[in-house]
N, C-alpha and C. Protein backbone atom coordinates (compact mmCIF):
# COMPACT_ATOMS: atom_id res chain seq x y z
N MET A 1 3.03 -5.36 -17.25
CA MET A 1 2.04 -6.32 -16.81
C MET A 1 2.48 -7.72 -16.87
N HIS A 2 2.16 -8.33 -16.08
CA HIS A 2 2.60 -9.95 -15.95
C HIS A 2 1.64 -10.60 -17.08
N GLN A 3 2.24 -11.80 -17.17
CA GLN A 3 1.63 -12.79 -18.21
C GLN A 3 0.01 -13.12 -18.04
N ASN A 4 -0.29 -13.20 -16.84
CA ASN A 4 -1.61 -13.31 -16.26
C ASN A 4 -2.47 -11.98 -16.48
N GLU A 5 -2.06 -10.88 -17.05
CA GLU A 5 -2.81 -9.73 -17.25
C GLU A 5 -3.05 -8.91 -16.16
N THR A 6 -2.28 -9.14 -14.96
CA THR A 6 -2.42 -8.23 -13.91
C THR A 6 -1.24 -7.26 -13.96
N VAL A 7 -1.42 -6.26 -13.16
CA VAL A 7 -0.44 -4.87 -13.07
C VAL A 7 0.71 -5.38 -12.13
N ILE A 8 1.73 -4.96 -12.10
CA ILE A 8 2.85 -5.08 -11.04
C ILE A 8 2.06 -4.51 -9.60
N CYS A 9 2.44 -5.00 -8.60
CA CYS A 9 2.09 -4.60 -7.28
C CYS A 9 2.45 -3.24 -7.03
N ASP A 10 1.51 -2.52 -6.18
CA ASP A 10 1.83 -1.31 -5.40
C ASP A 10 3.21 -1.22 -4.77
N GLY A 11 3.93 -0.28 -4.80
CA GLY A 11 5.00 -0.03 -4.06
C GLY A 11 6.17 0.65 -4.46
N ILE A 12 7.30 0.55 -4.02
CA ILE A 12 8.50 1.24 -4.60
C ILE A 12 9.45 0.22 -5.52
N HIS A 13 9.64 0.78 -6.63
CA HIS A 13 10.27 -0.01 -7.57
C HIS A 13 11.54 0.64 -8.01
N ASP A 14 12.83 0.07 -8.09
CA ASP A 14 13.90 0.77 -8.54
C ASP A 14 14.26 0.35 -10.15
N LEU A 15 14.24 1.51 -10.85
CA LEU A 15 14.48 1.37 -12.53
C LEU A 15 15.74 1.63 -12.70
N PRO A 16 16.38 0.75 -13.60
CA PRO A 16 18.02 1.10 -13.82
C PRO A 16 18.05 2.19 -14.77
N ILE A 17 18.97 3.12 -14.58
CA ILE A 17 19.40 4.23 -15.67
C ILE A 17 20.52 3.54 -16.47
N ILE A 18 20.28 3.41 -18.00
CA ILE A 18 21.40 2.92 -18.77
C ILE A 18 21.66 4.18 -19.68
N ARG A 19 22.77 4.64 -19.76
CA ARG A 19 23.23 5.70 -20.77
C ARG A 19 23.73 4.90 -21.79
N CYS A 20 23.19 5.31 -22.87
CA CYS A 20 23.66 4.72 -24.15
C CYS A 20 24.12 5.98 -25.11
N ASP A 21 25.28 5.54 -25.68
CA ASP A 21 25.72 6.73 -26.71
C ASP A 21 24.89 6.57 -28.05
N PRO A 22 25.11 7.74 -28.97
CA PRO A 22 24.03 7.47 -30.22
C PRO A 22 24.54 6.24 -30.97
N THR A 23 25.57 5.42 -31.02
CA THR A 23 25.94 4.60 -31.70
C THR A 23 25.50 3.22 -31.32
N ASP A 24 24.97 3.17 -29.88
CA ASP A 24 24.73 2.00 -29.24
C ASP A 24 23.44 1.23 -30.03
N THR A 25 23.51 -0.11 -29.95
CA THR A 25 22.70 -0.94 -30.71
C THR A 25 21.43 -1.51 -29.94
N LEU A 26 21.38 -0.86 -28.65
CA LEU A 26 20.33 -1.16 -27.83
C LEU A 26 19.18 -0.70 -27.97
N HIS A 27 18.18 -1.13 -28.87
CA HIS A 27 16.85 -0.45 -29.32
C HIS A 27 15.88 -0.41 -28.11
N PRO A 28 15.20 0.70 -27.67
CA PRO A 28 14.27 0.90 -26.56
C PRO A 28 13.29 -0.54 -26.38
N ALA A 29 12.97 -1.14 -27.49
CA ALA A 29 12.18 -2.34 -27.24
C ALA A 29 12.84 -3.33 -26.83
N ILE A 30 14.04 -3.66 -27.08
CA ILE A 30 15.04 -4.66 -26.56
C ILE A 30 15.11 -4.31 -24.90
N TYR A 31 15.36 -2.95 -24.77
CA TYR A 31 15.52 -2.63 -23.16
C TYR A 31 14.43 -3.12 -22.55
N LEU A 32 13.29 -2.76 -22.89
CA LEU A 32 11.93 -2.86 -22.34
C LEU A 32 11.71 -4.31 -21.96
N ALA A 33 12.03 -5.09 -22.94
CA ALA A 33 11.84 -6.87 -22.67
C ALA A 33 12.97 -7.24 -22.00
N ALA A 34 14.05 -6.59 -21.73
CA ALA A 34 15.13 -7.32 -21.20
C ALA A 34 15.04 -7.42 -19.70
N SER A 35 15.43 -8.63 -19.14
CA SER A 35 15.69 -8.69 -17.56
C SER A 35 16.56 -7.68 -17.09
N GLU A 36 16.94 -7.53 -15.74
CA GLU A 36 17.82 -6.76 -15.24
C GLU A 36 19.26 -7.54 -15.38
N GLN A 37 18.96 -9.02 -15.36
CA GLN A 37 20.41 -9.51 -15.49
C GLN A 37 20.76 -9.54 -17.04
N ASP A 38 19.93 -9.56 -18.03
CA ASP A 38 20.47 -9.33 -19.39
C ASP A 38 21.09 -7.81 -19.39
N LEU A 39 20.52 -6.83 -18.85
CA LEU A 39 21.19 -5.71 -18.80
C LEU A 39 22.44 -5.41 -17.96
N GLU A 40 22.55 -6.18 -16.91
CA GLU A 40 23.73 -6.03 -16.02
C GLU A 40 24.76 -6.65 -16.73
N SER A 41 24.44 -7.86 -17.53
CA SER A 41 25.63 -8.47 -18.21
C SER A 41 26.15 -7.69 -19.60
N ASN A 42 25.32 -6.58 -19.90
CA ASN A 42 25.84 -5.84 -21.07
C ASN A 42 26.37 -4.62 -20.60
N ARG A 43 26.13 -4.01 -19.37
CA ARG A 43 26.43 -2.74 -19.09
C ARG A 43 26.45 -2.56 -17.62
N GLN A 44 27.32 -1.62 -17.04
CA GLN A 44 27.57 -1.30 -15.77
C GLN A 44 26.26 -0.59 -15.29
N LEU A 45 25.59 -1.05 -14.37
CA LEU A 45 24.24 -0.24 -13.74
C LEU A 45 24.82 0.36 -12.56
N LYS A 46 24.91 1.75 -12.60
CA LYS A 46 25.32 2.49 -11.37
C LYS A 46 24.27 3.35 -10.75
N GLU A 47 23.20 3.56 -11.77
CA GLU A 47 22.33 4.47 -11.20
C GLU A 47 20.75 4.04 -11.60
N TYR A 48 19.96 4.43 -10.44
CA TYR A 48 18.66 3.95 -10.32
C TYR A 48 17.77 4.87 -10.36
N VAL A 49 16.41 5.04 -10.81
CA VAL A 49 15.48 6.01 -10.22
C VAL A 49 14.45 5.14 -9.57
N ARG A 50 14.08 5.49 -8.29
CA ARG A 50 13.21 4.93 -7.49
C ARG A 50 11.88 5.57 -7.59
N VAL A 51 10.85 4.66 -7.85
CA VAL A 51 9.47 5.26 -8.12
C VAL A 51 8.41 4.59 -7.35
N SER A 52 7.47 5.16 -6.94
CA SER A 52 6.40 4.43 -6.02
C SER A 52 5.19 4.43 -6.89
N THR A 53 4.40 3.35 -7.01
CA THR A 53 3.40 3.09 -7.84
C THR A 53 2.00 2.93 -6.92
N LEU A 54 1.05 3.51 -7.38
CA LEU A 54 -0.25 3.16 -6.73
C LEU A 54 -1.31 2.88 -7.96
N LEU A 55 -1.89 1.80 -8.10
CA LEU A 55 -2.87 1.58 -9.31
C LEU A 55 -4.23 2.38 -8.75
N CYS A 56 -4.67 3.02 -9.69
CA CYS A 56 -6.04 3.59 -9.57
C CYS A 56 -6.59 3.42 -10.94
N SER A 57 -7.39 2.32 -11.17
CA SER A 57 -7.92 1.90 -12.40
C SER A 57 -9.29 0.94 -12.39
N THR A 58 -10.00 1.30 -13.41
CA THR A 58 -11.28 0.42 -13.35
C THR A 58 -11.21 -0.62 -14.43
N LYS A 59 -10.04 -0.83 -15.18
CA LYS A 59 -9.75 -1.69 -16.12
C LYS A 59 -8.57 -2.50 -15.84
N LEU A 60 -7.59 -2.14 -14.89
CA LEU A 60 -6.48 -3.22 -14.59
C LEU A 60 -6.64 -3.37 -13.17
N THR A 61 -5.98 -4.61 -12.84
CA THR A 61 -6.01 -5.10 -11.50
C THR A 61 -4.84 -5.83 -11.28
N GLN A 62 -4.32 -5.97 -9.86
CA GLN A 62 -3.25 -6.60 -9.41
C GLN A 62 -3.50 -7.88 -8.91
N ASN A 63 -4.83 -8.28 -8.86
CA ASN A 63 -5.50 -9.52 -8.34
C ASN A 63 -5.65 -10.55 -9.35
N PRO A 64 -4.78 -11.68 -9.37
CA PRO A 64 -5.12 -12.61 -10.50
C PRO A 64 -6.15 -13.26 -10.31
N ASP A 65 -6.99 -13.45 -9.11
CA ASP A 65 -8.21 -14.15 -8.96
C ASP A 65 -9.38 -13.26 -9.71
N LEU A 66 -9.40 -11.96 -9.51
CA LEU A 66 -10.29 -11.09 -9.99
C LEU A 66 -10.02 -11.08 -11.62
N MET A 67 -8.96 -11.11 -11.93
CA MET A 67 -8.69 -11.27 -13.55
C MET A 67 -9.20 -12.59 -13.98
N HIS A 68 -8.87 -13.51 -13.37
CA HIS A 68 -9.69 -14.96 -13.98
C HIS A 68 -11.27 -14.92 -13.86
N LEU A 69 -11.75 -14.21 -12.94
CA LEU A 69 -13.19 -14.07 -12.92
C LEU A 69 -13.46 -13.21 -14.00
N LEU A 70 -12.95 -12.09 -14.33
CA LEU A 70 -13.32 -11.30 -15.51
C LEU A 70 -12.88 -11.90 -17.00
N LYS A 71 -12.04 -12.77 -16.93
CA LYS A 71 -11.71 -13.49 -18.02
C LYS A 71 -12.14 -14.97 -18.05
N TRP A 72 -13.40 -15.21 -17.54
CA TRP A 72 -13.94 -16.41 -16.93
C TRP A 72 -14.06 -17.31 -18.15
N ARG A 73 -14.03 -16.91 -19.36
CA ARG A 73 -14.48 -17.97 -20.48
C ARG A 73 -13.04 -18.87 -20.67
N SER A 74 -11.84 -18.46 -20.51
CA SER A 74 -10.58 -18.92 -20.68
C SER A 74 -10.28 -19.96 -19.58
N HIS A 75 -11.09 -19.86 -18.31
CA HIS A 75 -10.82 -20.58 -17.12
C HIS A 75 -12.11 -21.25 -16.64
N GLN A 76 -12.90 -21.71 -17.55
CA GLN A 76 -14.27 -22.40 -17.22
C GLN A 76 -14.32 -23.42 -16.23
N ASP A 77 -13.18 -24.34 -16.47
CA ASP A 77 -13.02 -25.39 -15.60
C ASP A 77 -12.70 -25.04 -14.12
N ARG A 78 -12.37 -23.76 -13.86
CA ARG A 78 -12.21 -23.31 -12.59
C ARG A 78 -12.92 -22.27 -12.02
N ILE A 79 -14.08 -22.21 -12.53
CA ILE A 79 -14.94 -21.31 -11.97
C ILE A 79 -15.32 -21.26 -10.50
N PRO A 80 -15.79 -22.58 -10.04
CA PRO A 80 -16.05 -22.63 -8.55
C PRO A 80 -14.90 -22.10 -7.67
N ASP A 81 -13.63 -22.61 -8.16
CA ASP A 81 -12.37 -22.36 -7.17
C ASP A 81 -12.10 -20.73 -7.36
N ILE A 82 -12.34 -20.04 -8.47
CA ILE A 82 -12.06 -18.75 -8.78
C ILE A 82 -13.21 -17.85 -7.94
N LEU A 83 -14.45 -18.19 -7.89
CA LEU A 83 -15.34 -17.70 -7.14
C LEU A 83 -15.11 -17.54 -5.66
N THR A 84 -14.62 -18.87 -4.92
CA THR A 84 -14.26 -19.07 -3.79
C THR A 84 -13.18 -17.78 -3.62
N LYS A 85 -12.30 -17.66 -4.26
CA LYS A 85 -11.16 -16.75 -4.01
C LYS A 85 -11.45 -15.40 -4.13
N VAL A 86 -12.45 -15.23 -5.08
CA VAL A 86 -12.78 -13.78 -5.22
C VAL A 86 -13.64 -13.22 -3.80
N MET A 87 -14.20 -14.19 -3.34
CA MET A 87 -15.00 -13.94 -2.02
C MET A 87 -14.00 -13.29 -0.86
N LYS A 88 -12.68 -13.63 -1.07
CA LYS A 88 -11.89 -13.32 0.14
C LYS A 88 -11.14 -12.16 -0.58
N THR A 89 -11.46 -11.41 -1.64
CA THR A 89 -10.95 -10.32 -2.35
C THR A 89 -11.33 -9.02 -1.42
N PRO A 90 -10.55 -7.89 -1.12
CA PRO A 90 -11.16 -6.81 -0.50
C PRO A 90 -12.14 -5.98 -1.24
N GLY A 91 -13.12 -5.35 -0.37
CA GLY A 91 -14.26 -4.80 -0.90
C GLY A 91 -13.94 -3.93 -1.97
N GLU A 92 -12.82 -3.02 -1.66
CA GLU A 92 -12.59 -1.68 -2.58
C GLU A 92 -12.23 -2.06 -3.92
N GLU A 93 -11.51 -3.48 -4.00
CA GLU A 93 -11.15 -3.85 -5.31
C GLU A 93 -12.20 -4.47 -6.11
N ILE A 94 -13.51 -5.11 -5.35
CA ILE A 94 -14.38 -5.61 -5.94
C ILE A 94 -15.35 -4.50 -6.50
N VAL A 95 -15.48 -3.34 -5.72
CA VAL A 95 -16.31 -2.14 -6.07
C VAL A 95 -15.79 -1.62 -7.46
N LYS A 96 -14.47 -1.57 -7.60
CA LYS A 96 -13.87 -0.89 -8.73
C LYS A 96 -14.42 -1.63 -9.88
N PHE A 97 -14.70 -3.01 -9.86
CA PHE A 97 -15.04 -3.98 -11.10
C PHE A 97 -16.34 -4.47 -10.95
N LEU A 98 -17.31 -3.73 -10.22
CA LEU A 98 -18.52 -4.17 -9.91
C LEU A 98 -19.32 -4.41 -11.10
N GLN A 99 -19.21 -3.56 -11.88
CA GLN A 99 -20.16 -3.42 -13.35
C GLN A 99 -19.77 -4.52 -14.15
N ASP A 100 -18.35 -4.74 -14.27
CA ASP A 100 -17.82 -5.97 -15.01
C ASP A 100 -18.21 -7.31 -14.42
N ILE A 101 -17.89 -7.40 -13.13
CA ILE A 101 -18.28 -8.67 -12.54
C ILE A 101 -19.68 -9.07 -12.50
N LEU A 102 -20.61 -8.16 -12.32
CA LEU A 102 -22.08 -8.39 -12.40
C LEU A 102 -22.21 -8.75 -13.84
N GLY A 103 -21.77 -8.13 -14.84
CA GLY A 103 -21.94 -8.43 -16.07
C GLY A 103 -21.61 -9.71 -16.62
N ASN A 104 -20.42 -10.32 -16.15
CA ASN A 104 -19.99 -11.54 -16.14
C ASN A 104 -20.78 -12.78 -15.36
N LEU A 105 -21.00 -12.42 -14.31
CA LEU A 105 -21.94 -13.44 -13.52
C LEU A 105 -23.23 -13.54 -14.01
N PHE A 106 -23.96 -12.61 -14.78
CA PHE A 106 -25.42 -12.75 -15.21
C PHE A 106 -25.15 -12.91 -16.57
């Protein structure tokens, strides 16, 4: 997830494969938090796994404007701007969050 609480975009992503020996000090939490540049500086990245993602969720979104609307209390000064941007959001994304959106609007 991104810092704005949205999920990575749908698409194809290359994930580096890092082989560690049992004496390696690279803890899984460090690996998950590291950037690709950090990992490349420590190891030779030769292999990747290619994954394709397609988000299907009623709690997570890839749309930052929709997330701002759902978390409107932390963005009260931008509500008119957020509503304007949400009006341009595709209908299928709105339908997934309709109950939450209506709950927040009312």
